[in-house]
Amino acid sequence: MKEGNQNPGGVLQKNRNGVRTQSGRYSHPRYQKYLEETPLPSGESKDLNILFNYNGHTWDAYEVLGLPAGASLVDVTKAYQGMLKASEPDSHEFLETAFKTILSRK
């Protein structure tokens, strides 16, 4: 086996120089540019998760609706309407709070 940590599963690793590399499936040099950490142009990090408080607990609005963080408004609306049809009436207020939180932030 070669020197250093070799992982055939393709997990990100740092070599001796602190550079992120990946062994396995995407170890080709042309994929390395996607593995490098680059800051956003504004210098600030962008948080895609939208959190809201309901009944004394903090919830992720996208997770409540079963969507990945940063989903489009069309997907959010479809998921919200589908959840309303599939859920019990007691949880409609909770789903509505999640939906309105996403709408207010976009």
PDB file of N, CA and C in Angstrom:
ATOM      1  N   MET A   1       0.845  -1.168   0.000  1.00  0.00           N
ATOM      2  CA  MET A   1       0.000   0.000   0.000  1.00  0.00           C
ATOM      3  C   MET A   1       0.896   1.238   0.000  1.00  0.00           C
ATOM      4  N   LYS A   2       0.428   2.291  -0.650  1.00  0.00           N
ATOM      5  CA  LYS A   2       1.218   3.508  -0.731  1.00  0.00           C
ATOM      6  C   LYS A   2       1.303   4.191   0.617  1.00  0.00           C
ATOM      7  N   GLU A   3       2.241   5.122   0.679  1.00  0.00           N
ATOM      8  CA  GLU A   3       2.453   5.868   1.916  1.00  0.00           C
ATOM      9  C   GLU A   3       1.263   6.789   2.197  1.00  0.00           C
ATOM     10  N   GLY A   4       0.896   6.952   3.437  1.00  0.00           N
ATOM     11  CA  GLY A   4      -0.221   7.826   3.818  1.00  0.00           C
ATOM     12  C   GLY A   4      -1.512   7.044   3.919  1.00  0.00           C
ATOM     13  N   ASN A   5      -2.567   7.740   4.222  1.00  0.00           N
ATOM     14  CA  ASN A   5      -3.880   7.104   4.354  1.00  0.00           C
ATOM     15  C   ASN A   5      -4.494   6.901   2.983  1.00  0.00           C
ATOM     16  N   GLN A   6      -4.721   5.684   2.634  1.00  0.00           N
ATOM     17  CA  GLN A   6      -5.380   5.366   1.380  1.00  0.00           C
ATOM     18  C   GLN A   6      -6.747   4.782   1.692  1.00  0.00           C
ATOM     19  N   ASN A   7      -7.762   5.329   1.106  1.00  0.00           N
ATOM     20  CA  ASN A   7      -9.112   4.855   1.362  1.00  0.00           C
ATOM     21  C   ASN A   7      -9.781   4.568   0.033  1.00  0.00           C
ATOM     22  N   PRO A   8     -10.010   3.321  -0.312  1.00  0.00           N
ATOM     23  CA  PRO A   8     -10.608   2.997  -1.601  1.00  0.00           C
ATOM     24  C   PRO A   8     -12.052   3.445  -1.715  1.00  0.00           C
ATOM     25  N   GLY A   9     -12.685   3.846  -0.621  1.00  0.00           N
ATOM     26  CA  GLY A   9     -14.084   4.265  -0.660  1.00  0.00           C
ATOM     27  C   GLY A   9     -14.288   5.647  -1.225  1.00  0.00           C
ATOM     28  N   GLY A  10     -13.244   6.402  -1.424  1.00  0.00           N
ATOM     29  CA  GLY A  10     -13.375   7.725  -2.003  1.00  0.00           C
ATOM     30  C   GLY A  10     -13.686   8.806  -0.982  1.00  0.00           C
ATOM     31  N   VAL A  11     -13.155   8.696   0.216  1.00  0.00           N
ATOM     32  CA  VAL A  11     -13.409   9.675   1.256  1.00  0.00           C
ATOM     33  C   VAL A  11     -12.378  10.781   1.166  1.00  0.00           C
ATOM     34  N   LEU A  12     -12.804  12.022   1.437  1.00  0.00           N
ATOM     35  CA  LEU A  12     -11.879  13.154   1.415  1.00  0.00           C
ATOM     36  C   LEU A  12     -10.850  13.010   2.513  1.00  0.00           C
ATOM     37  N   GLN A  13      -9.608  13.344   2.172  1.00  0.00           N
ATOM     38  CA  GLN A  13      -8.520  13.257   3.131  1.00  0.00           C
ATOM     39  C   GLN A  13      -7.604  14.443   2.929  1.00  0.00           C
ATOM     40  N   LYS A  14      -6.816  14.757   3.952  1.00  0.00           N
ATOM     41  CA  LYS A  14      -5.800  15.795   3.823  1.00  0.00           C
ATOM     42  C   LYS A  14      -4.442  15.120   3.805  1.00  0.00           C
ATOM     43  N   ASN A  15      -3.601  15.535   2.851  1.00  0.00           N
ATOM     44  CA  ASN A  15      -2.254  14.966   2.807  1.00  0.00           C
ATOM     45  C   ASN A  15      -1.335  15.744   3.746  1.00  0.00           C
ATOM     46  N   ARG A  16      -0.057  15.465   3.692  1.00  0.00           N
ATOM     47  CA  ARG A  16       0.898  16.103   4.617  1.00  0.00           C
ATOM     48  C   ARG A  16       0.921  17.613   4.478  1.00  0.00           C
ATOM     49  N   ASN A  17       0.639  18.129   3.298  1.00  0.00           N
ATOM     50  CA  ASN A  17       0.675  19.574   3.060  1.00  0.00           C
ATOM     51  C   ASN A  17      -0.630  20.260   3.440  1.00  0.00           C
ATOM     52  N   GLY A  18      -1.619  19.509   3.892  1.00  0.00           N
ATOM     53  CA  GLY A  18      -2.903  20.091   4.265  1.00  0.00           C
ATOM     54  C   GLY A  18      -3.849  20.283   3.099  1.00  0.00           C
ATOM     55  N   VAL A  19      -3.512  19.752   1.933  1.00  0.00           N
ATOM     56  CA  VAL A  19      -4.353  19.884   0.750  1.00  0.00           C
ATOM     57  C   VAL A  19      -5.359  18.750   0.733  1.00  0.00           C
ATOM     58  N   ARG A  20      -6.625  19.081   0.457  1.00  0.00           N
ATOM     59  CA  ARG A  20      -7.654  18.049   0.421  1.00  0.00           C
ATOM     60  C   ARG A  20      -7.530  17.241  -0.866  1.00  0.00           C
ATOM     61  N   THR A  21      -7.506  15.955  -0.718  1.00  0.00           N
ATOM     62  CA  THR A  21      -7.468  15.058  -1.865  1.00  0.00           C
ATOM     63  C   THR A  21      -8.484  13.959  -1.641  1.00  0.00           C
ATOM     64  N   GLN A  22      -8.768  13.253  -2.689  1.00  0.00           N
ATOM     65  CA  GLN A  22      -9.712  12.150  -2.573  1.00  0.00           C
ATOM     66  C   GLN A  22      -9.153  10.971  -3.321  1.00  0.00           C
ATOM     67  N   SER A  23      -9.113   9.855  -2.637  1.00  0.00           N
ATOM     68  CA  SER A  23      -8.666   8.644  -3.296  1.00  0.00           C
ATOM     69  C   SER A  23      -9.889   7.895  -3.775  1.00  0.00           C
ATOM     70  N   GLY A  24      -9.723   7.115  -4.773  1.00  0.00           N
ATOM     71  CA  GLY A  24     -10.834   6.310  -5.245  1.00  0.00           C
ATOM     72  C   GLY A  24     -11.458   6.879  -6.504  1.00  0.00           C
ATOM     73  N   ARG A  25     -12.749   6.890  -6.537  1.00  0.00           N
ATOM     74  CA  ARG A  25     -13.511   7.176  -7.740  1.00  0.00           C
ATOM     75  C   ARG A  25     -13.185   8.524  -8.386  1.00  0.00           C
ATOM     76  N   TYR A  26     -13.079   9.593  -7.584  1.00  0.00           N
ATOM     77  CA  TYR A  26     -12.856  10.924  -8.153  1.00  0.00           C
ATOM     78  C   TYR A  26     -11.478  11.462  -7.812  1.00  0.00           C
ATOM     79  N   SER A  27     -10.470  10.608  -7.883  1.00  0.00           N
ATOM     80  CA  SER A  27      -9.124  11.035  -7.529  1.00  0.00           C
ATOM     81  C   SER A  27      -8.393  11.700  -8.694  1.00  0.00           C
ATOM     82  N   HIS A  28      -8.969  11.730  -9.864  1.00  0.00           N
ATOM     83  CA  HIS A  28      -8.334  12.334 -11.025  1.00  0.00           C
ATOM     84  C   HIS A  28      -8.132  13.831 -10.774  1.00  0.00           C
ATOM     85  N   PRO A  29      -7.030  14.400 -11.230  1.00  0.00           N
ATOM     86  CA  PRO A  29      -6.735  15.822 -10.975  1.00  0.00           C
ATOM     87  C   PRO A  29      -7.819  16.787 -11.451  1.00  0.00           C
ATOM     88  N   ARG A  30      -8.564  16.457 -12.482  1.00  0.00           N
ATOM     89  CA  ARG A  30      -9.581  17.401 -12.957  1.00  0.00           C
ATOM     90  C   ARG A  30     -10.724  17.570 -11.960  1.00  0.00           C
ATOM     91  N   TYR A  31     -10.884  16.631 -11.027  1.00  0.00           N
ATOM     92  CA  TYR A  31     -11.923  16.757 -10.012  1.00  0.00           C
ATOM     93  C   TYR A  31     -11.433  17.504  -8.772  1.00  0.00           C
ATOM     94  N   GLN A  32     -10.130  17.730  -8.657  1.00  0.00           N
ATOM     95  CA  GLN A  32      -9.579  18.359  -7.460  1.00  0.00           C
ATOM     96  C   GLN A  32     -10.095  19.783  -7.271  1.00  0.00           C
ATOM     97  N   LYS A  33     -10.403  20.492  -8.369  1.00  0.00           N
ATOM     98  CA  LYS A  33     -10.888  21.867  -8.225  1.00  0.00           C
ATOM     99  C   LYS A  33     -12.229  21.911  -7.505  1.00  0.00           C
ATOM    100  N   TYR A  34     -13.018  20.837  -7.584  1.00  0.00           N
ATOM    101  CA  TYR A  34     -14.296  20.799  -6.893  1.00  0.00           C
ATOM    102  C   TYR A  34     -14.140  20.455  -5.414  1.00  0.00           C
ATOM    103  N   LEU A  35     -12.995  19.902  -5.045  1.00  0.00           N
ATOM    104  CA  LEU A  35     -12.752  19.524  -3.658  1.00  0.00           C
ATOM    105  C   LEU A  35     -12.140  20.652  -2.851  1.00  0.00           C
ATOM    106  N   GLU A  36     -11.584  21.648  -3.533  1.00  0.00           N
ATOM    107  CA  GLU A  36     -10.942  22.747  -2.828  1.00  0.00           C
ATOM    108  C   GLU A  36     -11.996  23.666  -2.229  1.00  0.00           C
ATOM    109  N   GLU A  37     -11.728  24.129  -1.030  1.00  0.00           N
ATOM    110  CA  GLU A  37     -12.650  25.036  -0.366  1.00  0.00           C
ATOM    111  C   GLU A  37     -12.414  26.440  -0.886  1.00  0.00           C
ATOM    112  N   THR A  38     -13.429  27.039  -1.485  1.00  0.00           N
ATOM    113  CA  THR A  38     -13.310  28.403  -1.972  1.00  0.00           C
ATOM    114  C   THR A  38     -14.341  29.258  -1.246  1.00  0.00           C
ATOM    115  N   PRO A  39     -13.935  30.421  -0.754  1.00  0.00           N
ATOM    116  CA  PRO A  39     -14.890  31.284  -0.064  1.00  0.00           C
ATOM    117  C   PRO A  39     -15.872  31.916  -1.045  1.00  0.00           C
ATOM    118  N   LEU A  40     -17.023  32.305  -0.543  1.00  0.00           N
ATOM    119  CA  LEU A  40     -17.994  33.007  -1.366  1.00  0.00           C
ATOM    120  C   LEU A  40     -17.430  34.375  -1.734  1.00  0.00           C
ATOM    121  N   PRO A  41     -17.845  34.936  -2.872  1.00  0.00           N
ATOM    122  CA  PRO A  41     -17.298  36.227  -3.297  1.00  0.00           C
ATOM    123  C   PRO A  41     -17.473  37.338  -2.255  1.00  0.00           C
ATOM    124  N   SER A  42     -18.560  37.328  -1.535  1.00  0.00           N
ATOM    125  CA  SER A  42     -18.798  38.395  -0.564  1.00  0.00           C
ATOM    126  C   SER A  42     -17.998  38.182   0.717  1.00  0.00           C
ATOM    127  N   GLY A  43     -17.396  37.014   0.890  1.00  0.00           N
ATOM    128  CA  GLY A  43     -16.632  36.726   2.084  1.00  0.00           C
ATOM    129  C   GLY A  43     -17.482  36.194   3.226  1.00  0.00           C
ATOM    130  N   GLU A  44     -18.792  36.121   3.031  1.00  0.00           N
ATOM    131  CA  GLU A  44     -19.686  35.611   4.062  1.00  0.00           C
ATOM    132  C   GLU A  44     -20.170  34.223   3.669  1.00  0.00           C
ATOM    133  N   SER A  45     -20.452  33.413   4.665  1.00  0.00           N
ATOM    134  CA  SER A  45     -21.000  32.103   4.362  1.00  0.00           C
ATOM    135  C   SER A  45     -22.512  32.225   4.200  1.00  0.00           C
ATOM    136  N   LYS A  46     -23.066  31.417   3.339  1.00  0.00           N
ATOM    137  CA  LYS A  46     -24.495  31.447   3.084  1.00  0.00           C
ATOM    138  C   LYS A  46     -25.119  30.214   3.718  1.00  0.00           C
ATOM    139  N   ASP A  47     -26.069  30.432   4.597  1.00  0.00           N
ATOM    140  CA  ASP A  47     -26.738  29.339   5.272  1.00  0.00           C
ATOM    141  C   ASP A  47     -28.047  29.051   4.542  1.00  0.00           C
ATOM    142  N   LEU A  48     -28.190  27.854   4.015  1.00  0.00           N
ATOM    143  CA  LEU A  48     -29.385  27.504   3.259  1.00  0.00           C
ATOM    144  C   LEU A  48     -30.532  27.058   4.148  1.00  0.00           C
ATOM    145  N   ASN A  49     -30.232  26.611   5.342  1.00  0.00           N
ATOM    146  CA  ASN A  49     -31.274  26.142   6.245  1.00  0.00           C
ATOM    147  C   ASN A  49     -32.046  27.325   6.809  1.00  0.00           C
ATOM    148  N   ILE A  50     -33.341  27.167   6.916  1.00  0.00           N
ATOM    149  CA  ILE A  50     -34.203  28.189   7.491  1.00  0.00           C
ATOM    150  C   ILE A  50     -34.822  27.594   8.743  1.00  0.00           C
ATOM    151  N   LEU A  51     -34.479  28.158   9.884  1.00  0.00           N
ATOM    152  CA  LEU A  51     -34.953  27.643  11.158  1.00  0.00           C
ATOM    153  C   LEU A  51     -36.110  28.490  11.676  1.00  0.00           C
ATOM    154  N   PHE A  52     -37.026  27.828  12.375  1.00  0.00           N
ATOM    155  CA  PHE A  52     -38.129  28.541  13.008  1.00  0.00           C
ATOM    156  C   PHE A  52     -38.461  27.859  14.321  1.00  0.00           C
ATOM    157  N   ASN A  53     -39.083  28.611  15.211  1.00  0.00           N
ATOM    158  CA  ASN A  53     -39.474  28.084  16.516  1.00  0.00           C
ATOM    159  C   ASN A  53     -40.962  27.776  16.496  1.00  0.00           C
ATOM    160  N   TYR A  54     -41.298  26.601  17.001  1.00  0.00           N
ATOM    161  CA  TYR A  54     -42.696  26.199  17.097  1.00  0.00           C
ATOM    162  C   TYR A  54     -42.848  25.343  18.348  1.00  0.00           C
ATOM    163  N   ASN A  55     -43.745  25.738  19.193  1.00  0.00           N
ATOM    164  CA  ASN A  55     -44.060  24.983  20.404  1.00  0.00           C
ATOM    165  C   ASN A  55     -42.819  24.746  21.275  1.00  0.00           C
ATOM    166  N   GLY A  56     -41.953  25.776  21.345  1.00  0.00           N
ATOM    167  CA  GLY A  56     -40.787  25.692  22.200  1.00  0.00           C
ATOM    168  C   GLY A  56     -39.610  24.936  21.635  1.00  0.00           C
ATOM    169  N   HIS A  57     -39.672  24.522  20.382  1.00  0.00           N
ATOM    170  CA  HIS A  57     -38.581  23.779  19.750  1.00  0.00           C
ATOM    171  C   HIS A  57     -38.150  24.486  18.472  1.00  0.00           C
ATOM    172  N   THR A  58     -36.901  24.283  18.092  1.00  0.00           N
ATOM    173  CA  THR A  58     -36.386  24.854  16.848  1.00  0.00           C
ATOM    174  C   THR A  58     -36.440  23.788  15.764  1.00  0.00           C
ATOM    175  N   TRP A  59     -36.974  24.171  14.610  1.00  0.00           N
ATOM    176  CA  TRP A  59     -37.159  23.240  13.496  1.00  0.00           C
ATOM    177  C   TRP A  59     -36.534  23.817  12.233  1.00  0.00           C
ATOM    178  N   ASP A  60     -36.099  22.933  11.338  1.00  0.00           N
ATOM    179  CA  ASP A  60     -35.628  23.326  10.021  1.00  0.00           C
ATOM    180  C   ASP A  60     -36.826  23.237   9.075  1.00  0.00           C
ATOM    181  N   ALA A  61     -37.200  24.353   8.467  1.00  0.00           N
ATOM    182  CA  ALA A  61     -38.409  24.413   7.648  1.00  0.00           C
ATOM    183  C   ALA A  61     -38.335  23.465   6.451  1.00  0.00           C
ATOM    184  N   TYR A  62     -37.181  23.373   5.815  1.00  0.00           N
ATOM    185  CA  TYR A  62     -37.044  22.472   4.666  1.00  0.00           C
ATOM    186  C   TYR A  62     -37.169  21.014   5.096  1.00  0.00           C
ATOM    187  N   GLU A  63     -36.584  20.692   6.228  1.00  0.00           N
ATOM    188  CA  GLU A  63     -36.645  19.324   6.716  1.00  0.00           C
ATOM    189  C   GLU A  63     -38.078  18.922   7.069  1.00  0.00           C
ATOM    190  N   VAL A  64     -38.842  19.846   7.625  1.00  0.00           N
ATOM    191  CA  VAL A  64     -40.242  19.577   7.972  1.00  0.00           C
ATOM    192  C   VAL A  64     -41.035  19.212   6.720  1.00  0.00           C
ATOM    193  N   LEU A  65     -40.754  19.912   5.623  1.00  0.00           N
ATOM    194  CA  LEU A  65     -41.466  19.651   4.366  1.00  0.00           C
ATOM    195  C   LEU A  65     -40.823  18.537   3.544  1.00  0.00           C
ATOM    196  N   GLY A  66     -39.735  17.965   4.032  1.00  0.00           N
ATOM    197  CA  GLY A  66     -39.092  16.852   3.340  1.00  0.00           C
ATOM    198  C   GLY A  66     -38.308  17.259   2.115  1.00  0.00           C
ATOM    199  N   LEU A  67     -37.726  18.440   2.135  1.00  0.00           N
ATOM    200  CA  LEU A  67     -36.994  18.965   0.988  1.00  0.00           C
ATOM    201  C   LEU A  67     -35.533  19.212   1.344  1.00  0.00           C
ATOM    202  N   PRO A  68     -34.647  19.217   0.324  1.00  0.00           N
ATOM    203  CA  PRO A  68     -33.264  19.612   0.593  1.00  0.00           C
ATOM    204  C   PRO A  68     -33.192  21.118   0.826  1.00  0.00           C
ATOM    205  N   ALA A  69     -32.227  21.545   1.601  1.00  0.00           N
ATOM    206  CA  ALA A  69     -32.077  22.970   1.912  1.00  0.00           C
ATOM    207  C   ALA A  69     -31.860  23.767   0.639  1.00  0.00           C
ATOM    208  N   GLY A  70     -32.546  24.884   0.511  1.00  0.00           N
ATOM    209  CA  GLY A  70     -32.405  25.747  -0.648  1.00  0.00           C
ATOM    210  C   GLY A  70     -33.265  25.358  -1.830  1.00  0.00           C
ATOM    211  N   ALA A  71     -34.275  24.514  -1.642  1.00  0.00           N
ATOM    212  CA  ALA A  71     -35.145  24.094  -2.743  1.00  0.00           C
ATOM    213  C   ALA A  71     -35.902  25.293  -3.301  1.00  0.00           C
ATOM    214  N   SER A  72     -36.345  25.191  -4.544  1.00  0.00           N
ATOM    215  CA  SER A  72     -37.044  26.295  -5.192  1.00  0.00           C
ATOM    216  C   SER A  72     -38.439  26.486  -4.589  1.00  0.00           C
ATOM    217  N   LEU A  73     -39.008  27.666  -4.826  1.00  0.00           N
ATOM    218  CA  LEU A  73     -40.339  27.958  -4.294  1.00  0.00           C
ATOM    219  C   LEU A  73     -41.407  27.048  -4.890  1.00  0.00           C
ATOM    220  N   VAL A  74     -41.225  26.634  -6.129  1.00  0.00           N
ATOM    221  CA  VAL A  74     -42.179  25.720  -6.758  1.00  0.00           C
ATOM    222  C   VAL A  74     -42.175  24.381  -6.028  1.00  0.00           C
ATOM    223  N   ASP A  75     -40.973  23.870  -5.731  1.00  0.00           N
ATOM    224  CA  ASP A  75     -40.866  22.609  -5.002  1.00  0.00           C
ATOM    225  C   ASP A  75     -41.409  22.738  -3.584  1.00  0.00           C
ATOM    226  N   VAL A  76     -41.155  23.871  -2.956  1.00  0.00           N
ATOM    227  CA  VAL A  76     -41.650  24.108  -1.603  1.00  0.00           C
ATOM    228  C   VAL A  76     -43.172  24.111  -1.591  1.00  0.00           C
ATOM    229  N   THR A  77     -43.779  24.788  -2.551  1.00  0.00           N
ATOM    230  CA  THR A  77     -45.236  24.859  -2.621  1.00  0.00           C
ATOM    231  C   THR A  77     -45.847  23.494  -2.882  1.00  0.00           C
ATOM    232  N   LYS A  78     -45.261  22.732  -3.803  1.00  0.00           N
ATOM    233  CA  LYS A  78     -45.766  21.389  -4.092  1.00  0.00           C
ATOM    234  C   LYS A  78     -45.663  20.482  -2.872  1.00  0.00           C
ATOM    235  N   ALA A  79     -44.528  20.559  -2.181  1.00  0.00           N
ATOM    236  CA  ALA A  79     -44.337  19.723  -0.997  1.00  0.00           C
ATOM    237  C   ALA A  79     -45.315  20.118   0.101  1.00  0.00           C
ATOM    238  N   TYR A  80     -45.530  21.413   0.275  1.00  0.00           N
ATOM    239  CA  TYR A  80     -46.459  21.901   1.300  1.00  0.00           C
ATOM    240  C   TYR A  80     -47.882  21.420   1.012  1.00  0.00           C
ATOM    241  N   GLN A  81     -48.321  21.561  -0.221  1.00  0.00           N
ATOM    242  CA  GLN A  81     -49.672  21.124  -0.579  1.00  0.00           C
ATOM    243  C   GLN A  81     -49.821  19.615  -0.446  1.00  0.00           C
ATOM    244  N   GLY A  82     -48.791  18.871  -0.816  1.00  0.00           N
ATOM    245  CA  GLY A  82     -48.842  17.421  -0.669  1.00  0.00           C
ATOM    246  C   GLY A  82     -48.881  16.991   0.787  1.00  0.00           C
ATOM    247  N   MET A  83     -48.113  17.683   1.631  1.00  0.00           N
ATOM    248  CA  MET A  83     -48.109  17.358   3.056  1.00  0.00           C
ATOM    249  C   MET A  83     -49.452  17.698   3.702  1.00  0.00           C
ATOM    250  N   LEU A  84     -50.087  18.771   3.251  1.00  0.00           N
ATOM    251  CA  LEU A  84     -51.400  19.124   3.793  1.00  0.00           C
ATOM    252  C   LEU A  84     -52.426  18.028   3.500  1.00  0.00           C
ATOM    253  N   LYS A  85     -52.364  17.485   2.297  1.00  0.00           N
ATOM    254  CA  LYS A  85     -53.313  16.434   1.919  1.00  0.00           C
ATOM    255  C   LYS A  85     -53.048  15.132   2.665  1.00  0.00           C
ATOM    256  N   ALA A  86     -51.780  14.845   2.931  1.00  0.00           N
ATOM    257  CA  ALA A  86     -51.412  13.561   3.524  1.00  0.00           C
ATOM    258  C   ALA A  86     -51.404  13.557   5.054  1.00  0.00           C
ATOM    259  N   SER A  87     -51.425  14.727   5.658  1.00  0.00           N
ATOM    260  CA  SER A  87     -51.287  14.787   7.117  1.00  0.00           C
ATOM    261  C   SER A  87     -52.632  15.009   7.807  1.00  0.00           C
ATOM    262  N   GLU A  88     -52.609  14.829   9.096  1.00  0.00           N
ATOM    263  CA  GLU A  88     -53.803  15.051   9.899  1.00  0.00           C
ATOM    264  C   GLU A  88     -54.025  16.546  10.080  1.00  0.00           C
ATOM    265  N   PRO A  89     -55.281  16.967  10.273  1.00  0.00           N
ATOM    266  CA  PRO A  89     -55.577  18.398  10.434  1.00  0.00           C
ATOM    267  C   PRO A  89     -54.864  19.041  11.629  1.00  0.00           C
ATOM    268  N   ASP A  90     -54.510  18.257  12.621  1.00  0.00           N
ATOM    269  CA  ASP A  90     -53.820  18.815  13.788  1.00  0.00           C
ATOM    270  C   ASP A  90     -52.443  19.372  13.443  1.00  0.00           C
ATOM    271  N   SER A  91     -51.804  18.841  12.425  1.00  0.00           N
ATOM    272  CA  SER A  91     -50.455  19.278  12.071  1.00  0.00           C
ATOM    273  C   SER A  91     -50.432  20.360  10.992  1.00  0.00           C
ATOM    274  N   HIS A  92     -51.588  20.801  10.517  1.00  0.00           N
ATOM    275  CA  HIS A  92     -51.633  21.810   9.453  1.00  0.00           C
ATOM    276  C   HIS A  92     -51.014  23.136   9.899  1.00  0.00           C
ATOM    277  N   GLU A  93     -51.236  23.519  11.146  1.00  0.00           N
ATOM    278  CA  GLU A  93     -50.666  24.776  11.637  1.00  0.00           C
ATOM    279  C   GLU A  93     -49.133  24.713  11.638  1.00  0.00           C
ATOM    280  N   PHE A  94     -48.580  23.580  12.028  1.00  0.00           N
ATOM    281  CA  PHE A  94     -47.135  23.372  12.039  1.00  0.00           C
ATOM    282  C   PHE A  94     -46.569  23.466  10.622  1.00  0.00           C
ATOM    283  N   LEU A  95     -47.217  22.800   9.673  1.00  0.00           N
ATOM    284  CA  LEU A  95     -46.761  22.841   8.277  1.00  0.00           C
ATOM    285  C   LEU A  95     -46.892  24.250   7.700  1.00  0.00           C
ATOM    286  N   GLU A  96     -47.964  24.938   8.055  1.00  0.00           N
ATOM    287  CA  GLU A  96     -48.170  26.297   7.568  1.00  0.00           C
ATOM    288  C   GLU A  96     -47.081  27.235   8.100  1.00  0.00           C
ATOM    289  N   THR A  97     -46.686  27.042   9.343  1.00  0.00           N
ATOM    290  CA  THR A  97     -45.619  27.857   9.923  1.00  0.00           C
ATOM    291  C   THR A  97     -44.306  27.632   9.179  1.00  0.00           C
ATOM    292  N   ALA A  98     -43.998  26.386   8.863  1.00  0.00           N
ATOM    293  CA  ALA A  98     -42.780  26.072   8.110  1.00  0.00           C
ATOM    294  C   ALA A  98     -42.834  26.704   6.722  1.00  0.00           C
ATOM    295  N   PHE A  99     -43.972  26.586   6.065  1.00  0.00           N
ATOM    296  CA  PHE A  99     -44.137  27.127   4.709  1.00  0.00           C
ATOM    297  C   PHE A  99     -44.008  28.650   4.722  1.00  0.00           C
ATOM    298  N   LYS A 100     -44.667  29.310   5.646  1.00  0.00           N
ATOM    299  CA  LYS A 100     -44.623  30.774   5.707  1.00  0.00           C
ATOM    300  C   LYS A 100     -43.230  31.281   6.070  1.00  0.00           C
ATOM    301  N   THR A 101     -42.500  30.512   6.863  1.00  0.00           N
ATOM    302  CA  THR A 101     -41.137  30.892   7.218  1.00  0.00           C
ATOM    303  C   THR A 101     -40.245  30.893   5.977  1.00  0.00           C
ATOM    304  N   ILE A 102     -40.394  29.869   5.141  1.00  0.00           N
ATOM    305  CA  ILE A 102     -39.604  29.806   3.901  1.00  0.00           C
ATOM    306  C   ILE A 102     -39.988  30.956   2.983  1.00  0.00           C
ATOM    307  N   LEU A 103     -41.283  31.221   2.849  1.00  0.00           N
ATOM    308  CA  LEU A 103     -41.723  32.319   1.974  1.00  0.00           C
ATOM    309  C   LEU A 103     -41.213  33.674   2.452  1.00  0.00           C
ATOM    310  N   SER A 104     -41.160  33.865   3.740  1.00  0.00           N
ATOM    311  CA  SER A 104     -40.711  35.160   4.256  1.00  0.00           C
ATOM    312  C   SER A 104     -39.214  35.375   4.078  1.00  0.00           C
ATOM    313  N   ARG A 105     -38.448  34.322   3.932  1.00  0.00           N
ATOM    314  CA  ARG A 105     -36.994  34.434   3.799  1.00  0.00           C
ATOM    315  C   ARG A 105     -36.527  34.473   2.353  1.00  0.00           C
ATOM    316  N   LYS A 106     -37.364  34.096   1.412  1.00  0.00           N
ATOM    317  CA  LYS A 106     -36.930  34.072   0.001  1.00  0.00           C
ATOM    318  C   LYS A 106     -37.296  35.321  -0.711  1.00  0.00           C
TER     319      LYS A 106
END
